[in-house]
Amino acid sequence: MIKKYVLPFTSNNKKLWLITGLFAVMFLTSACHCDEDEEKIPNNKVLLLKFDKETATFTEGREYKYYDHPETFTVSLSRYTNGSETITDIFYKERNALLLKTTSTPAPAKGNILIPEDFSPAGSFDKVATNDFVTPANGYKEISEDKLTATQFTALWSNVQSLVKVREYLKSNPDQQVQVFYYQPIADNVNNSSWFFILKN
């Protein structure tokens, strides 16, 4: 037969349990949360700026943030058709990240910008107080060879070079080369067309 032993609950036992309980509470409330990751800072950024083609006016922009920082920055374009619709994807190759997705259709239909969905209006971008004029060290490069002239580029650039965000990008990446893309939502009509600038920090 198995004998059952019961320890007598003495005052010494009460003290022991009380002390143990107090230490347990103190440990649980003040213990270091070592299993939590340190807060990550998204130090890899890409800035997408949109302009009205006719007026060269900066209309809206979008900043992408990533947590790794590859040594190179490659922008690639993929274009394919779906019936009468032409779809264009622009990728940040090193991250395999989609920066821009557009559609273009024959008139009277009109294509759309599918990605990004959440542009910020031009008015939300702060400007520097100085009157100096800065330019990207390595100029610009057309992603799809749309023959943007230097004069046209300067007209567009003059509307964003004073943005605080643009100055930050030029400072952190002094060898900046602006990537340029022309978007025409109606295949056989230039109305409502846009230029896009892509900058890397």
Protein backbone atom coordinates (compact mmCIF):
# COMPACT_ATOMS: atom_id res chain seq x y z
CA MET A 1 0.00 0.00 0.00
CA ILE A 2 1.27 3.46 -0.97
CA LYS A 3 1.44 5.74 2.00
CA LYS A 4 0.42 9.37 1.65
CA TYR A 5 2.49 11.92 3.59
CA VAL A 6 1.18 15.40 4.32
CA LEU A 7 3.61 18.05 5.57
CA PRO A 8 2.23 20.04 8.44
CA PHE A 9 1.60 23.69 7.41
CA THR A 10 3.52 25.45 10.17
CA SER A 11 4.21 29.13 10.65
CA ASN A 12 7.70 28.57 9.20
CA ASN A 13 6.09 27.21 6.04
CA LYS A 14 3.87 30.28 5.86
CA LYS A 15 6.91 32.55 6.04
CA LEU A 16 8.69 30.54 3.35
CA TRP A 17 5.72 30.72 0.97
CA LEU A 18 5.28 34.43 1.65
CA ILE A 19 8.94 35.21 0.87
CA THR A 20 8.89 33.01 -2.24
CA GLY A 21 5.73 34.72 -3.46
CA LEU A 22 7.19 38.19 -2.95
CA PHE A 23 10.33 37.31 -4.91
CA ALA A 24 8.24 35.82 -7.71
CA VAL A 25 6.13 38.97 -8.02
CA MET A 26 9.21 41.21 -8.01
CA PHE A 27 10.88 39.08 -10.68
CA LEU A 28 7.86 39.04 -12.97
CA THR A 29 7.23 42.77 -12.74
CA SER A 30 10.82 43.95 -13.08
CA ALA A 31 12.39 41.29 -15.28
CA CYS A 32 14.15 42.40 -18.46
CA HIS A 33 12.16 41.53 -21.55
CA CYS A 34 15.19 40.13 -23.28
CA ASP A 35 13.11 38.15 -25.76
CA GLU A 36 11.75 41.32 -27.32
CA ASP A 37 13.58 42.54 -30.44
CA GLU A 38 15.15 45.96 -30.41
CA GLU A 39 13.16 48.56 -32.30
CA LYS A 40 14.20 48.48 -35.94
CA ILE A 41 14.75 51.70 -37.87
CA PRO A 42 13.81 51.73 -41.58
CA ASN A 43 17.00 53.29 -42.93
CA ASN A 44 16.48 52.16 -46.53
CA LYS A 45 14.11 54.56 -48.29
CA VAL A 46 12.80 55.22 -51.78
CA LEU A 47 10.96 58.40 -52.77
CA LEU A 48 8.43 58.41 -55.61
CA LEU A 49 7.42 61.85 -56.94
CA LYS A 50 4.62 62.45 -59.45
CA PHE A 51 4.31 65.41 -61.84
CA ASP A 52 1.66 66.65 -64.21
CA LYS A 53 3.18 66.41 -67.69
CA GLU A 54 1.57 69.52 -69.14
CA THR A 55 2.39 71.94 -66.32
CA ALA A 56 5.48 70.21 -64.84
CA THR A 57 3.78 70.69 -61.46
CA PHE A 58 4.63 68.35 -58.60
CA THR A 59 1.28 66.88 -57.55
CA GLU A 60 1.93 64.08 -55.02
CA GLY A 61 4.52 61.67 -53.67
CA ARG A 62 5.08 58.46 -51.77
CA GLU A 63 7.96 57.32 -49.57
CA TYR A 64 8.73 53.63 -49.17
CA LYS A 65 10.68 52.41 -46.14
CA TYR A 66 12.62 49.16 -45.78
CA TYR A 67 14.75 47.60 -43.03
CA ASP A 68 17.74 46.38 -45.01
CA HIS A 69 20.11 48.45 -47.09
CA PRO A 70 21.62 46.78 -50.18
CA GLU A 71 24.73 48.40 -51.62
CA THR A 72 23.11 48.84 -55.03
CA PHE A 73 19.80 50.27 -56.22
CA THR A 74 18.35 48.85 -59.43
CA VAL A 75 15.02 49.87 -60.90
CA SER A 76 13.53 47.50 -63.45
CA LEU A 77 10.45 47.73 -65.67
CA SER A 78 8.09 44.94 -66.68
CA ARG A 79 5.36 45.55 -69.26
CA TYR A 80 2.70 43.12 -70.43
CA THR A 81 -0.80 43.16 -71.92
CA ASN A 82 -4.10 41.86 -70.64
CA GLY A 83 -6.57 42.12 -73.51
CA SER A 84 -6.50 45.76 -74.64
CA GLU A 85 -4.90 46.88 -71.38
CA THR A 86 -1.16 47.41 -70.98
CA ILE A 87 0.16 46.89 -67.48
CA THR A 88 3.49 48.32 -66.34
CA ASP A 89 5.30 47.28 -63.15
CA ILE A 90 8.32 49.11 -61.79
CA PHE A 91 10.37 47.18 -59.25
CA TYR A 92 13.10 47.91 -56.74
CA LYS A 93 15.07 44.87 -57.88
CA GLU A 94 17.26 44.24 -54.83
CA ARG A 95 14.17 44.13 -52.62
CA ASN A 96 11.85 42.61 -55.23
CA ALA A 97 9.51 45.42 -54.17
CA LEU A 98 6.84 46.87 -56.43
CA LEU A 99 7.16 50.67 -56.46
CA LEU A 100 4.64 51.50 -59.16
CA LYS A 101 1.94 49.60 -61.05
CA THR A 102 -0.02 51.32 -63.82
CA THR A 103 -2.49 50.43 -66.56
CA SER A 104 -2.91 52.06 -69.95
CA THR A 105 -5.86 51.54 -72.30
CA PRO A 106 -7.00 52.82 -75.71
CA ALA A 107 -9.48 55.73 -75.75
CA PRO A 108 -12.17 56.33 -74.69
CA ALA A 109 -11.18 54.28 -71.63
CA LYS A 110 -8.48 55.52 -69.27
CA GLY A 111 -5.87 53.58 -67.33
CA ASN A 112 -5.12 53.90 -63.65
CA ILE A 113 -2.32 53.92 -61.11
CA LEU A 114 -2.91 50.76 -59.06
CA ILE A 115 0.15 50.97 -56.78
CA PRO A 116 0.74 52.93 -54.68
CA GLU A 117 -2.77 53.63 -53.46
CA ASP A 118 -1.78 56.11 -50.77
CA PHE A 119 0.05 59.08 -52.26
CA SER A 120 0.65 62.14 -50.09
CA PRO A 121 -0.40 65.49 -51.62
CA ALA A 122 2.32 67.91 -52.68
CA GLY A 123 1.30 70.36 -49.95
CA SER A 124 2.27 67.89 -47.23
CA PHE A 125 5.96 68.06 -48.19
CA ASP A 126 7.91 70.75 -46.33
CA LYS A 127 10.29 73.10 -48.14
CA VAL A 128 13.66 74.49 -47.09
CA ALA A 129 13.92 78.18 -46.28
CA THR A 130 17.01 78.80 -48.43
CA ASN A 131 16.97 80.01 -52.06
CA ASP A 132 19.82 77.83 -53.31
CA PHE A 133 19.34 75.41 -56.19
CA VAL A 134 20.70 71.85 -55.94
CA THR A 135 20.86 69.12 -58.57
CA PRO A 136 21.52 65.36 -58.47
CA ALA A 137 25.22 64.63 -58.98
CA ASN A 138 24.61 62.03 -61.67
CA GLY A 139 21.63 63.60 -63.36
CA TYR A 140 18.82 61.32 -64.38
CA LYS A 141 18.15 58.06 -66.16
CA GLU A 142 15.00 57.13 -68.08
CA ILE A 143 13.62 53.75 -67.17
CA SER A 144 11.72 53.31 -70.43
CA GLU A 145 13.63 55.66 -72.78
CA ASP A 146 10.88 58.23 -73.15
CA LYS A 147 13.30 60.93 -74.32
CA LEU A 148 12.98 63.45 -71.54
CA THR A 149 15.19 66.38 -72.50
CA ALA A 150 17.53 68.06 -70.04
CA THR A 151 15.39 71.21 -70.25
CA GLN A 152 12.24 69.25 -69.39
CA PHE A 153 14.01 67.52 -66.51
CA THR A 154 15.17 70.84 -65.08
CA ALA A 155 11.63 72.24 -65.28
CA LEU A 156 10.31 69.26 -63.32
CA TRP A 157 13.24 69.15 -60.89
CA SER A 158 12.90 72.84 -60.06
CA ASN A 159 9.55 72.08 -58.43
CA VAL A 160 10.96 69.51 -56.00
CA GLN A 161 14.62 70.40 -55.40
CA SER A 162 13.62 72.64 -52.49
CA LEU A 163 11.68 69.91 -50.66
CA VAL A 164 13.18 68.98 -47.29
CA LYS A 165 12.70 65.31 -48.13
CA VAL A 166 14.56 65.65 -51.45
CA ARG A 167 17.42 67.50 -49.76
CA GLU A 168 17.68 64.69 -47.20
CA TYR A 169 17.99 62.15 -50.00
CA LEU A 170 20.64 64.16 -51.81
CA LYS A 171 22.62 64.52 -48.58
CA SER A 172 22.48 60.83 -47.64
CA ASN A 173 23.13 59.73 -51.23
CA PRO A 174 25.40 62.37 -52.83
CA ASP A 175 25.87 60.21 -55.94
CA GLN A 176 22.14 60.37 -56.59
CA GLN A 177 20.82 59.55 -60.05
CA VAL A 178 17.11 60.20 -60.46
CA GLN A 179 15.18 57.41 -62.18
CA VAL A 180 12.49 58.76 -64.53
CA PHE A 181 9.31 57.12 -65.82
CA TYR A 182 6.63 58.50 -68.13
CA TYR A 183 3.08 57.32 -67.61
CA GLN A 184 0.37 57.71 -70.26
CA PRO A 185 -3.00 56.37 -69.04
CA ILE A 186 -4.60 56.64 -72.49
CA ALA A 187 -2.51 54.73 -75.03
CA ASP A 188 -3.17 57.02 -78.00
CA ASN A 189 -3.62 60.32 -76.14
CA VAL A 190 -1.19 62.29 -73.98
CA ASN A 191 -3.92 63.90 -71.87
CA ASN A 192 -3.60 63.28 -68.12
CA SER A 193 -0.08 61.94 -68.55
CA SER A 194 2.47 62.07 -65.74
CA TRP A 195 6.19 61.99 -65.10
CA PHE A 196 7.57 60.07 -62.13
CA PHE A 197 10.90 60.63 -60.39
CA ILE A 198 12.37 57.90 -58.19
CA LEU A 199 15.07 58.79 -55.66
CA LYS A 200 17.07 56.59 -53.30
CA ASN A 201 18.48 57.68 -49.92
